[in-house]
């Protein structure tokens, strides 16, 4: 089992998320194929030291819909960090960069985030 370790100290959210998504999809591998995934683990540590601008924390909105009338919910990145921590924001960013197919849930399970 391969294990990759990424240090998030003073890195922007997008840069560390794209690096993790690339490793989860095995884009760096010579045996890259879109329909298979290899057993691996991508660990990201020092997530609490991520470099996120204050304007981004205020302006970025996370939206989700429950399926019911009036069920559109919205929260800013600032409140999401306060409630759920930096790990939630990073996991959501990586999840958005992965392909939207059956392997997505298997790939995201191989992501370990450590504060």
Protein backbone atom coordinates (compact mmCIF):
# COMPACT_ATOMS: atom_id res chain seq x y z
CA UNK A 1 0.00 0.00 0.00
CA UNK A 2 1.38 3.36 -1.02
CA UNK A 3 1.27 6.21 1.44
CA UNK A 4 1.64 9.87 0.54
CA UNK A 5 2.12 12.59 3.15
CA UNK A 6 1.36 16.23 2.42
CA UNK A 7 2.14 19.14 4.73
CA UNK A 8 -0.47 21.90 4.53
CA UNK A 9 1.54 24.50 6.47
CA UNK A 10 1.26 27.92 4.75
CA UNK A 11 -0.25 26.41 1.59
CA UNK A 12 -3.41 27.72 -0.01
CA UNK A 13 -6.54 25.60 0.09
CA UNK A 14 -6.72 25.09 -3.68
CA UNK A 15 -3.10 24.07 -4.11
CA UNK A 16 -3.15 21.39 -1.42
CA UNK A 17 -6.58 20.14 -2.56
CA UNK A 18 -5.52 19.80 -6.20
CA UNK A 19 -2.33 17.99 -5.18
CA UNK A 20 -4.34 15.55 -3.04
CA UNK A 21 -6.94 15.00 -5.79
CA UNK A 22 -4.19 14.29 -8.30
CA UNK A 23 -2.62 11.71 -5.99
CA UNK A 24 -6.00 10.08 -5.26
CA UNK A 25 -6.72 9.73 -8.99
CA UNK A 26 -3.15 8.39 -9.56
CA UNK A 27 -2.41 10.97 -12.22
CA UNK A 28 1.30 10.66 -11.40
CA UNK A 29 1.34 6.88 -11.97
CA UNK A 30 2.48 5.19 -15.18
CA UNK A 31 -0.37 2.68 -14.80
CA UNK A 32 -3.01 5.44 -14.74
CA UNK A 33 -6.48 4.31 -15.76
CA UNK A 34 -9.77 6.06 -15.18
CA UNK A 35 -11.76 2.92 -14.32
CA UNK A 36 -9.54 1.48 -11.55
CA UNK A 37 -8.10 2.75 -8.32
CA UNK A 38 -5.16 1.44 -6.37
CA UNK A 39 -5.14 0.96 -2.61
CA UNK A 40 -3.27 3.90 -1.16
CA UNK A 41 -3.49 6.48 1.58
CA UNK A 42 -3.07 10.24 1.21
CA UNK A 43 -2.43 11.90 4.58
CA UNK A 44 -2.64 15.66 4.93
CA UNK A 45 -1.37 17.07 8.20
CA UNK A 46 -1.16 20.56 9.76
CA UNK A 47 -4.54 21.45 8.27
CA UNK A 48 -5.10 24.05 10.99
CA UNK A 49 -2.17 26.03 9.51
CA UNK A 50 -3.74 26.38 6.05
CA UNK A 51 -3.34 29.79 4.44
CA UNK A 52 -6.91 30.98 3.75
CA UNK A 53 -7.53 34.68 3.11
CA UNK A 54 -10.06 36.47 5.30
CA UNK A 55 -11.98 37.72 2.25
CA UNK A 56 -12.31 34.13 0.99
CA UNK A 57 -13.66 33.00 4.37
CA UNK A 58 -16.39 35.63 4.21
CA UNK A 59 -17.28 35.46 0.49
CA UNK A 60 -17.17 31.69 -0.12
CA UNK A 61 -20.60 30.10 0.37
CA UNK A 62 -21.41 26.40 0.67
CA UNK A 63 -24.88 25.47 -0.57
CA UNK A 64 -26.86 22.24 -0.38
CA UNK A 65 -30.44 21.31 -1.10
CA UNK A 66 -32.52 18.88 0.96
CA UNK A 67 -35.03 18.19 -1.81
CA UNK A 68 -37.92 19.82 0.01
CA UNK A 69 -39.55 23.17 -0.81
CA UNK A 70 -37.57 25.88 0.95
CA UNK A 71 -34.79 23.39 1.64
CA UNK A 72 -31.91 25.35 0.10
CA UNK A 73 -29.32 25.89 2.82
CA UNK A 74 -26.28 28.13 2.72
CA UNK A 75 -23.36 28.85 5.03
CA UNK A 76 -20.16 30.82 4.64
CA UNK A 77 -16.72 29.26 4.89
CA UNK A 78 -16.16 31.16 8.13
CA UNK A 79 -19.11 29.51 9.88
CA UNK A 80 -18.22 26.10 8.39
CA UNK A 81 -14.71 26.37 9.85
CA UNK A 82 -16.12 27.43 13.22
CA UNK A 83 -18.62 24.53 13.33
CA UNK A 84 -16.77 21.69 11.60
CA UNK A 85 -13.12 22.76 11.36
CA UNK A 86 -10.60 23.18 8.57
CA UNK A 87 -10.73 19.45 7.79
CA UNK A 88 -14.33 19.75 6.53
CA UNK A 89 -13.42 22.62 4.20
CA UNK A 90 -10.41 20.75 2.80
CA UNK A 91 -12.35 17.49 2.35
CA UNK A 92 -15.10 19.38 0.51
CA UNK A 93 -12.54 21.06 -1.78
CA UNK A 94 -10.86 17.74 -2.63
CA UNK A 95 -14.26 16.09 -3.16
CA UNK A 96 -15.17 18.78 -5.69
CA UNK A 97 -11.97 18.13 -7.65
CA UNK A 98 -12.52 14.38 -7.98
CA UNK A 99 -14.45 12.91 -10.94
CA UNK A 100 -18.19 12.53 -10.39
CA UNK A 101 -18.44 8.75 -10.86
CA UNK A 102 -18.73 5.51 -8.86
CA UNK A 103 -15.09 5.61 -7.77
CA UNK A 104 -15.38 9.03 -6.11
CA UNK A 105 -16.58 7.68 -2.75
CA UNK A 106 -13.82 5.05 -2.72
CA UNK A 107 -11.19 7.68 -3.48
CA UNK A 108 -12.36 10.09 -0.78
CA UNK A 109 -12.21 7.27 1.81
CA UNK A 110 -8.48 7.00 1.12
CA UNK A 111 -7.98 10.62 2.20
CA UNK A 112 -6.87 11.05 5.82
CA UNK A 113 -6.87 14.57 7.26
CA UNK A 114 -4.95 15.24 10.47
CA UNK A 115 -5.00 18.54 12.34
